[in-house]
Amino acid sequence: MSSSLRIIRQVLAALETPRNVCIVGHVRPDGDCIGSQLALAHALKRAGKRVTVWNADPIPAKLAFLDPDGLLQRPARRRRFDCVIATDAANPERLGETGACIGSRRQLINIDHHQSNTRYGDVNWVEPASPSTGELIHQLCRRAGWAITPLMADLLFTAVSTDTGSFQY
């Protein structure tokens, strides 16, 4: 079994029991961060999870079309989550003020593609060979058997295209 398949199975196993999940991303979010967060949020909502999506900074105006449902929120203290999933953030400092708001959780899953990732989660899926975190979220959805809706496809396309310079590298 490949290491990618093994870690995907670990991530899916870690997501089986949590009901209340928070998905967080890095400060000054880009297309990969937002696309990954929101695509995963839609997948988990369809799987019956209560999902909160937090970013320390607001969504850039040019990417506002990615969040027609207004899922992306500012972090709030004193919220408790069964599981927090950090996407596209190489270290906890990249989470900004969101990092201070996620201490009250049972489990932290770290999904990222940056070589510099410090593997700060309880479960760490770090694939530096991947062009984007959006690609990893796509793999996770496919392996889980979660349908990819048209909105999720747009989110994942944005994630991959923005982190690859429109597929140039």
Protein backbone atom coordinates (compact mmCIF):
# COMPACT_ATOMS: atom_id res chain seq x y z
CA MET A 1 0.00 0.00 0.00
CA SER A 2 1.39 3.42 -0.92
CA SER A 3 2.10 5.95 1.81
CA SER A 4 -0.50 8.30 0.26
CA LEU A 5 -3.22 5.67 0.46
CA ARG A 6 -2.21 4.83 4.03
CA ILE A 7 -2.46 8.45 5.19
CA ILE A 8 -5.74 9.02 3.32
CA ARG A 9 -7.14 6.05 5.21
CA GLN A 10 -5.87 7.54 8.48
CA VAL A 11 -7.56 10.85 7.69
CA LEU A 12 -10.84 9.13 6.80
CA ALA A 13 -10.68 7.00 9.96
CA ALA A 14 -10.08 10.15 12.02
CA LEU A 15 -13.16 11.73 10.42
CA GLU A 16 -15.52 8.82 11.12
CA THR A 17 -16.70 9.75 14.62
CA PRO A 18 -16.42 13.56 14.92
CA ARG A 19 -19.74 15.32 14.45
CA ASN A 20 -18.61 18.92 14.97
CA VAL A 21 -15.71 19.89 12.67
CA CYS A 22 -13.90 23.17 12.10
CA ILE A 23 -11.82 23.72 8.96
CA VAL A 24 -9.15 26.42 9.26
CA GLY A 25 -6.75 28.00 6.80
CA HIS A 26 -3.80 30.37 6.71
CA VAL A 27 -3.68 34.15 7.08
CA ARG A 28 -4.10 36.17 3.88
CA PRO A 29 -5.95 33.25 2.27
CA ASP A 30 -5.34 32.50 -1.39
CA GLY A 31 -7.28 30.39 -3.87
CA ASP A 32 -5.75 27.11 -2.70
CA CYS A 33 -6.51 27.83 0.94
CA ILE A 34 -10.11 28.94 0.37
CA GLY A 35 -10.89 26.42 -2.35
CA SER A 36 -9.56 23.56 -0.22
CA GLN A 37 -11.37 24.68 2.91
CA LEU A 38 -14.72 25.18 1.24
CA ALA A 39 -14.60 22.05 -0.95
CA LEU A 40 -13.85 19.96 2.14
CA ALA A 41 -16.59 21.78 4.08
CA HIS A 42 -19.19 20.96 1.43
CA ALA A 43 -18.06 17.32 1.31
CA LEU A 44 -18.25 16.94 5.09
CA LYS A 45 -21.63 18.68 5.29
CA ARG A 46 -22.98 16.23 2.71
CA ALA A 47 -21.54 13.44 4.89
CA GLY A 48 -23.66 14.67 7.81
CA LYS A 49 -21.09 16.67 9.78
CA ARG A 50 -21.66 20.05 11.42
CA VAL A 51 -18.98 22.18 9.80
CA THR A 52 -17.56 25.58 10.69
CA VAL A 53 -15.03 27.28 8.37
CA TRP A 54 -12.66 29.84 9.88
CA ASN A 55 -10.01 32.19 8.57
CA ALA A 56 -8.26 34.96 10.48
CA ASP A 57 -8.49 37.22 7.44
CA PRO A 58 -11.48 37.86 5.18
CA ILE A 59 -11.84 36.29 1.78
CA PRO A 60 -10.26 38.52 -0.90
CA ALA A 61 -12.87 40.28 -3.05
CA LYS A 62 -11.62 38.56 -6.22
CA LEU A 63 -12.36 35.17 -4.61
CA ALA A 64 -15.71 36.05 -2.98
CA PHE A 65 -17.56 34.11 -5.69
CA LEU A 66 -16.19 30.90 -4.13
CA ASP A 67 -18.34 31.31 -1.03
CA PRO A 68 -21.93 31.94 -2.20
CA ASP A 69 -23.29 30.38 1.00
CA GLY A 70 -21.21 32.59 3.31
CA LEU A 71 -19.57 29.66 5.10
CA LEU A 72 -16.26 31.42 5.75
CA GLN A 73 -16.28 33.09 9.17
CA ARG A 74 -13.90 34.88 11.52
CA PRO A 75 -12.70 32.72 14.44
CA ALA A 76 -14.48 32.91 17.78
CA ARG A 77 -13.08 31.97 21.16
CA ARG A 78 -14.78 29.47 23.47
CA ARG A 79 -16.02 27.24 20.65
CA ARG A 80 -15.45 23.51 21.06
CA PHE A 81 -14.91 21.09 18.19
CA ASP A 82 -14.53 17.35 17.99
CA CYS A 83 -12.03 17.82 15.19
CA VAL A 84 -10.15 20.70 13.58
CA ILE A 85 -8.73 20.33 10.07
CA ALA A 86 -5.98 22.75 9.05
CA THR A 87 -5.62 23.08 5.28
CA ASP A 88 -2.74 24.63 3.34
CA ALA A 89 -1.00 25.93 6.49
CA ALA A 90 2.64 24.87 6.90
CA ASN A 91 2.76 25.67 10.62
CA PRO A 92 0.45 26.82 13.42
CA GLU A 93 1.73 30.39 13.17
CA ARG A 94 0.27 30.60 9.64
CA LEU A 95 -3.19 30.22 11.20
CA GLY A 96 -2.90 33.65 12.82
CA GLU A 97 -5.50 34.40 15.50
CA THR A 98 -7.41 31.28 14.44
CA GLY A 99 -4.71 29.19 16.13
CA ALA A 100 -5.62 30.63 19.53
CA CYS A 101 -9.28 29.69 19.00
CA ILE A 102 -8.84 25.99 18.18
CA GLY A 103 -7.18 24.75 21.35
CA SER A 104 -10.42 23.26 22.62
CA ARG A 105 -10.61 20.27 20.27
CA ARG A 106 -10.12 16.55 20.51
CA GLN A 107 -8.11 16.12 17.34
CA LEU A 108 -6.19 18.16 14.77
CA ILE A 109 -5.77 16.95 11.19
CA ASN A 110 -3.15 18.77 9.11
CA ILE A 111 -3.55 18.56 5.30
CA ASP A 112 -0.92 20.45 3.32
CA HIS A 113 1.47 20.35 0.36
CA HIS A 114 4.30 22.59 1.61
CA GLN A 115 7.78 21.10 2.10
CA SER A 116 8.22 23.37 5.15
CA ASN A 117 5.23 21.87 7.01
CA THR A 118 6.11 21.22 10.67
CA ARG A 119 3.68 18.28 11.03
CA TYR A 120 1.88 19.91 13.96
CA GLY A 121 -1.30 17.81 13.77
CA ASP A 122 -2.36 14.61 15.47
CA VAL A 123 -2.76 13.27 11.92
CA ASN A 124 -0.49 14.83 9.27
CA TRP A 125 -1.03 14.44 5.54
CA VAL A 126 1.81 16.41 3.99
CA GLU A 127 2.57 15.81 0.29
CA PRO A 128 5.25 18.22 -0.97
CA ALA A 129 5.08 16.63 -4.43
CA SER A 130 1.45 17.74 -4.76
CA PRO A 131 0.97 21.04 -6.62
CA SER A 132 -1.73 22.20 -4.19
CA THR A 133 -3.73 21.28 -1.13
CA GLY A 134 -6.79 21.28 -3.41
CA GLU A 135 -5.35 18.26 -5.19
CA LEU A 136 -5.14 16.44 -1.83
CA ILE A 137 -8.74 17.34 -0.98
CA HIS A 138 -9.79 15.97 -4.37
CA GLN A 139 -7.96 12.70 -3.64
CA LEU A 140 -9.62 12.51 -0.22
CA CYS A 141 -13.10 13.03 -1.70
CA ARG A 142 -12.51 10.41 -4.39
CA ARG A 143 -11.17 7.84 -1.92
CA ALA A 144 -14.08 8.50 0.48
CA GLY A 145 -16.62 8.10 -2.31
CA TRP A 146 -17.96 11.62 -1.75
CA ALA A 147 -19.65 13.09 -4.82
CA ILE A 148 -18.00 16.19 -6.20
CA THR A 149 -20.72 18.75 -6.86
CA PRO A 150 -20.34 21.47 -9.51
CA LEU A 151 -19.56 24.00 -6.75
CA MET A 152 -16.92 21.69 -5.26
CA ALA A 153 -15.41 21.24 -8.73
CA ASP A 154 -15.13 25.03 -9.08
CA LEU A 155 -13.53 25.26 -5.64
CA LEU A 156 -11.01 22.52 -6.39
CA PHE A 157 -10.23 23.95 -9.84
CA THR A 158 -9.54 27.33 -8.24
CA ALA A 159 -7.34 25.72 -5.58
CA VAL A 160 -5.20 23.89 -8.11
CA SER A 161 -5.11 26.60 -10.78
CA THR A 162 -4.09 29.41 -8.41
CA ASP A 163 -1.26 27.42 -6.82
CA THR A 164 0.14 26.27 -10.15
CA GLY A 165 0.08 29.62 -11.94
CA SER A 166 -2.78 28.40 -14.12
CA PHE A 167 -1.13 25.00 -14.60
CA GLN A 168 2.25 26.40 -15.65
CA TYR A 169 4.23 24.63 -12.91
